[in-house]
């Protein structure tokens, strides 16, 4: 990752932290930023975790300028800026791993975990996006969840568990996470999306009938696939 991209990412995370501090009631919504946890298949780094009686909000932030094209199922989204195109990892898939890691770490049910993707910067969605992918209304979206899942005591316990269980905020942790990412995305045994095992399968229908691919054992909940090297 370039220094420029690191700074853009840091600015996006800072915008999220500032918005939480300014507009969310700090007694109701307790946030921890830049949370790195040990998870299945390596470490996972989460931009923001907001703990409240109304659930856990797991937030992935992006600081991107340009037009954004994507959908819930695609592995990658496209960004167009000044006529130039580049691809980014689908942030919903990216945040899926984060929510799974938080759920397993805190032993919390899925219904109490809310995935949020927030785009900061001068961007515009050019395709329909799910309601939890935002470029405005960040705090009001979080406040729209009113079903109570936890008591004040449980909120305090989860905050304590995260603070004591997360890895230190340091360059060493950052380097470890980058190495973990590289190993996970090259792996043919561990799903980079959810951390479950990958198995070799053969396509039984469609244009690629007969070709082999790696599929997640968490299917249909996790639909990650990757081509088998050497198979066309």
Protein backbone atom coordinates (compact mmCIF):
# COMPACT_ATOMS: atom_id res chain seq x y z
CA UNK A 1 0.00 0.00 0.00
CA UNK A 2 1.36 3.44 -0.98
CA UNK A 3 1.89 6.27 1.52
CA UNK A 4 -0.76 8.27 -0.36
CA UNK A 5 -3.35 5.52 0.00
CA UNK A 6 -2.45 5.06 3.67
CA UNK A 7 -3.01 8.79 4.27
CA UNK A 8 -6.33 8.72 2.40
CA UNK A 9 -7.43 5.73 4.47
CA UNK A 10 -6.34 7.42 7.68
CA UNK A 11 -8.29 10.56 6.73
CA UNK A 12 -11.44 8.50 6.07
CA UNK A 13 -11.13 6.78 9.45
CA UNK A 14 -10.55 10.17 11.11
CA UNK A 15 -13.72 11.58 9.50
CA UNK A 16 -15.69 8.67 10.92
CA UNK A 17 -14.21 9.15 14.37
CA UNK A 18 -14.95 12.89 14.27
CA UNK A 19 -18.57 12.32 13.17
CA UNK A 20 -19.12 9.86 16.01
CA UNK A 21 -17.63 12.26 18.54
CA UNK A 22 -19.64 15.24 17.29
CA UNK A 23 -23.04 13.74 16.56
CA UNK A 24 -23.54 10.52 18.51
CA UNK A 25 -24.40 10.58 22.21
CA UNK A 26 -21.21 9.29 23.83
CA UNK A 27 -23.19 7.81 26.72
CA UNK A 28 -25.31 5.72 24.34
CA UNK A 29 -22.80 4.91 21.60
CA UNK A 30 -19.35 3.88 22.79
CA UNK A 31 -16.81 3.66 19.99
CA UNK A 32 -13.40 2.07 19.59
CA UNK A 33 -11.40 2.91 16.48
CA UNK A 34 -8.75 0.93 14.60
CA UNK A 35 -9.46 -2.45 16.20
CA UNK A 36 -7.20 -5.34 15.17
CA UNK A 37 -8.21 -8.81 16.35
CA UNK A 38 -6.89 -12.30 15.88
CA UNK A 39 -9.44 -14.20 13.80
CA UNK A 40 -9.78 -17.31 11.67
CA UNK A 41 -6.96 -17.43 9.14
CA UNK A 42 -5.04 -14.46 10.57
CA UNK A 43 -5.75 -10.98 11.88
CA UNK A 44 -8.56 -8.62 10.89
CA UNK A 45 -8.53 -4.83 11.18
CA UNK A 46 -11.77 -2.90 11.76
CA UNK A 47 -12.00 0.86 11.28
CA UNK A 48 -14.69 1.48 13.91
CA UNK A 49 -16.67 -0.63 16.37
CA UNK A 50 -19.57 1.19 18.02
CA UNK A 51 -21.05 -0.61 21.02
CA UNK A 52 -24.54 0.31 22.21
CA UNK A 53 -27.71 -1.16 23.70
CA UNK A 54 -29.02 -1.17 20.13
CA UNK A 55 -26.34 -3.53 18.88
CA UNK A 56 -22.78 -3.57 17.62
CA UNK A 57 -22.05 -1.37 14.62
CA UNK A 58 -19.08 -2.60 12.62
CA UNK A 59 -17.97 0.21 10.32
CA UNK A 60 -15.77 0.10 7.23
CA UNK A 61 -14.78 3.56 5.95
CA UNK A 62 -13.58 4.51 2.46
CA UNK A 63 -12.15 7.87 1.39
CA UNK A 64 -12.72 7.85 -2.38
CA UNK A 65 -13.35 10.50 -5.03
CA UNK A 66 -15.18 9.65 -8.26
CA UNK A 67 -18.06 7.57 -9.53
CA UNK A 68 -18.59 4.21 -7.83
CA UNK A 69 -20.15 1.21 -9.56
CA UNK A 70 -20.90 -1.99 -7.65
CA UNK A 71 -23.41 -4.38 -6.20
CA UNK A 72 -23.78 -6.55 -3.14
CA UNK A 73 -22.56 -9.77 -4.78
CA UNK A 74 -19.59 -8.63 -6.90
CA UNK A 75 -16.11 -9.42 -5.62
CA UNK A 76 -14.86 -6.01 -6.78
CA UNK A 77 -16.34 -2.58 -7.40
CA UNK A 78 -15.23 -0.05 -10.02
CA UNK A 79 -14.23 3.55 -9.36
CA UNK A 80 -14.12 6.04 -12.27
CA UNK A 81 -12.30 9.34 -11.81
CA UNK A 82 -11.49 11.73 -14.65
CA UNK A 83 -12.12 8.92 -17.15
CA UNK A 84 -9.70 6.53 -15.44
CA UNK A 85 -10.96 3.27 -13.94
CA UNK A 86 -9.64 1.19 -11.07
CA UNK A 87 -11.07 -1.57 -8.92
CA UNK A 88 -11.50 -1.90 -5.18
CA UNK A 89 -12.47 -4.88 -3.07
CA UNK A 90 -16.21 -5.02 -2.41
CA UNK A 91 -16.35 -3.30 1.02
CA UNK A 92 -19.44 -5.31 1.99
CA UNK A 93 -17.44 -8.52 1.57
CA UNK A 94 -14.56 -6.93 3.43
CA UNK A 95 -16.84 -5.97 6.31
CA UNK A 96 -18.47 -9.41 6.36
CA UNK A 97 -15.22 -10.84 7.71
CA UNK A 98 -15.11 -8.06 10.29
CA UNK A 99 -18.62 -8.78 11.53
CA UNK A 100 -17.87 -12.51 11.75
CA UNK A 101 -14.70 -11.81 13.75
CA UNK A 102 -16.54 -9.51 16.18
CA UNK A 103 -19.41 -11.99 16.57
CA UNK A 104 -17.08 -14.88 17.33
CA UNK A 105 -14.84 -12.82 19.61
CA UNK A 106 -17.72 -11.47 21.72
CA UNK A 107 -20.08 -14.45 21.25
CA UNK A 108 -22.82 -12.21 19.89
CA UNK A 109 -25.65 -13.31 17.59
CA UNK A 110 -25.84 -11.98 14.01
CA UNK A 111 -29.09 -10.11 14.64
CA UNK A 112 -27.30 -7.79 17.07
CA UNK A 113 -24.47 -6.91 14.67
CA UNK A 114 -24.93 -4.18 12.06
CA UNK A 115 -22.55 -3.81 9.12
CA UNK A 116 -22.05 -0.22 7.93
CA UNK A 117 -19.96 0.98 4.97
CA UNK A 118 -19.36 4.73 4.85
CA UNK A 119 -17.80 6.54 1.88
CA UNK A 120 -16.21 9.90 2.64
CA UNK A 121 -14.84 12.11 -0.12
CA UNK A 122 -16.28 13.58 -3.31
CA UNK A 123 -17.93 10.42 -4.63
CA UNK A 124 -21.21 9.44 -6.23
CA UNK A 125 -22.89 6.05 -6.47
CA UNK A 126 -23.74 5.26 -10.10
CA UNK A 127 -25.52 1.99 -9.30
CA UNK A 128 -28.12 1.22 -6.60
CA UNK A 129 -26.54 0.41 -3.24
CA UNK A 130 -27.88 -1.45 -0.17
CA UNK A 131 -29.19 0.78 2.61
CA UNK A 132 -26.10 0.16 4.77
CA UNK A 133 -23.73 1.61 2.13
CA UNK A 134 -23.68 5.37 2.69
CA UNK A 135 -22.10 8.60 1.54
CA UNK A 136 -24.20 10.77 3.89
CA UNK A 137 -26.43 10.33 6.91
CA UNK A 138 -23.87 8.21 8.77
CA UNK A 139 -24.96 9.01 12.34
CA UNK A 140 -28.68 9.16 11.58
CA UNK A 141 -28.46 5.70 10.02
CA UNK A 142 -26.87 4.31 13.18
CA UNK A 143 -29.47 6.04 15.35
CA UNK A 144 -32.29 4.53 13.26
CA UNK A 145 -31.78 1.15 14.97
CA UNK A 146 -33.97 1.17 18.05
CA UNK A 147 -34.40 -2.50 18.98
CA UNK A 148 -32.61 -3.09 22.29
CA UNK A 149 -30.19 -6.04 22.31
CA UNK A 150 -27.96 -5.41 25.32
CA UNK A 151 -28.12 -4.04 28.83
CA UNK A 152 -25.79 -1.27 30.00
CA UNK A 153 -23.82 -3.91 31.91
CA UNK A 154 -23.35 -6.00 28.76
CA UNK A 155 -22.23 -2.94 26.83
CA UNK A 156 -19.56 -2.24 29.46
CA UNK A 157 -18.44 -5.87 29.45
CA UNK A 158 -18.08 -5.95 25.66
CA UNK A 159 -16.13 -2.69 25.66
CA UNK A 160 -13.77 -4.11 28.26
CA UNK A 161 -13.34 -7.34 26.30
CA UNK A 162 -12.50 -5.49 23.09
CA UNK A 163 -10.04 -3.14 24.75
CA UNK A 164 -8.22 -5.98 26.49
CA UNK A 165 -8.40 -8.43 23.55
CA UNK A 166 -7.46 -6.18 20.63
CA UNK A 167 -3.86 -6.07 19.46
CA UNK A 168 -1.81 -2.96 20.33
CA UNK A 169 -2.11 0.05 18.02
CA UNK A 170 1.43 -0.01 16.66
CA UNK A 171 3.46 -0.31 13.47
CA UNK A 172 4.31 -3.87 14.49
CA UNK A 173 0.60 -4.76 14.56
CA UNK A 174 0.14 -3.02 11.20
CA UNK A 175 2.98 -5.02 9.64
CA UNK A 176 1.60 -8.26 11.08
CA UNK A 177 -1.84 -7.49 9.65
CA UNK A 178 -0.47 -6.66 6.17
CA UNK A 179 1.47 -9.95 6.16
CA UNK A 180 -1.68 -11.79 7.30
CA UNK A 181 -3.71 -10.20 4.48
CA UNK A 182 -1.15 -11.22 1.89
CA UNK A 183 -1.05 -14.81 3.13
CA UNK A 184 -4.83 -15.07 3.34
CA UNK A 185 -5.46 -13.80 -0.18
CA UNK A 186 -2.87 -16.22 -1.60
CA UNK A 187 -4.24 -19.14 0.39
CA UNK A 188 -5.97 -22.10 -1.26
CA UNK A 189 -7.11 -23.50 2.10
CA UNK A 190 -8.64 -20.52 3.98
CA UNK A 191 -11.47 -18.29 2.73
CA UNK A 192 -10.29 -14.64 2.75
CA UNK A 193 -13.89 -13.48 3.20
CA UNK A 194 -14.96 -15.41 6.31
CA UNK A 195 -11.96 -17.50 7.40
CA UNK A 196 -13.58 -20.91 6.91
CA UNK A 197 -11.97 -23.69 4.87
CA UNK A 198 -11.79 -23.67 1.07
CA UNK A 199 -12.41 -26.86 -0.89
CA UNK A 200 -11.72 -27.71 -4.53
CA UNK A 201 -14.92 -28.05 -6.54
CA UNK A 202 -15.91 -28.59 -10.19
CA UNK A 203 -18.41 -26.36 -12.00
CA UNK A 204 -21.41 -28.43 -13.06
CA UNK A 205 -23.24 -25.83 -15.14
CA UNK A 206 -22.74 -22.66 -17.14
CA UNK A 207 -19.97 -21.52 -19.44
CA UNK A 208 -17.26 -22.93 -17.15
CA UNK A 209 -18.72 -26.43 -16.80
CA UNK A 210 -15.96 -28.87 -15.93
CA UNK A 211 -13.49 -26.25 -14.69
CA UNK A 212 -12.25 -26.44 -11.13
CA UNK A 213 -12.49 -23.68 -8.55
CA UNK A 214 -12.04 -23.13 -4.82
CA UNK A 215 -15.28 -22.63 -2.90
CA UNK A 216 -15.95 -21.74 0.72
CA UNK A 217 -17.29 -24.49 2.97
CA UNK A 218 -19.52 -21.81 4.48
CA UNK A 219 -21.73 -21.79 1.34
CA UNK A 220 -24.51 -20.64 0.97
CA UNK A 221 -23.91 -18.14 3.75
CA UNK A 222 -20.51 -17.27 2.26
CA UNK A 223 -20.36 -17.39 -1.54
CA UNK A 224 -16.63 -16.76 -2.01
CA UNK A 225 -15.00 -18.57 -4.95
CA UNK A 226 -11.57 -18.39 -6.57
CA UNK A 227 -10.27 -19.97 -9.77
CA UNK A 228 -8.00 -22.97 -9.52
CA UNK A 229 -4.59 -22.00 -10.89
CA UNK A 230 -3.90 -23.81 -14.13
CA UNK A 231 -7.60 -24.25 -14.99
CA UNK A 232 -8.91 -22.02 -17.81
